[in-house]
Amino acid sequence: MKRVTICHITHYGFAAPVRLGQHRLFLRPREGHDLRIAESTLVILPKAVTAWRRDFYDNVLAVASFADEAVDSLAIESNVEVELHDTMPLDFIVEDHALRYPFS
């Protein structure tokens, strides 16, 4: 098993104060037999009410809703630590015609 940390930082600065609408954040990889999320943190400034959902494709997303006040910046920081259980992630079948480059 291997542990990997994914850090995503987004910062927006606005020339004039704006009101923020609802944001849909896709920040986590999809869990499966070979990948498990061990830890996850999400910090959003200005403060937001966050609800976690799954979409049609089973992706996990955060829906962030903000107070109705004007702000001059938005910062989002996500840290996700994942456990990778696939011992050979690049072990796949290559067709015979694609073994030599250039292939037809």
Foldseek 3Di string as FASTA:
>chain_A
DDKDKDKDKDKDFAPDWDFDAKDKAQDDDQDDPFKDWPDKDKDKPPDWDWDWDADPVRGIIIITGDDGDTDGMIMMIMMIMMGGRDPCPPDDDDDPQVPDPPGD
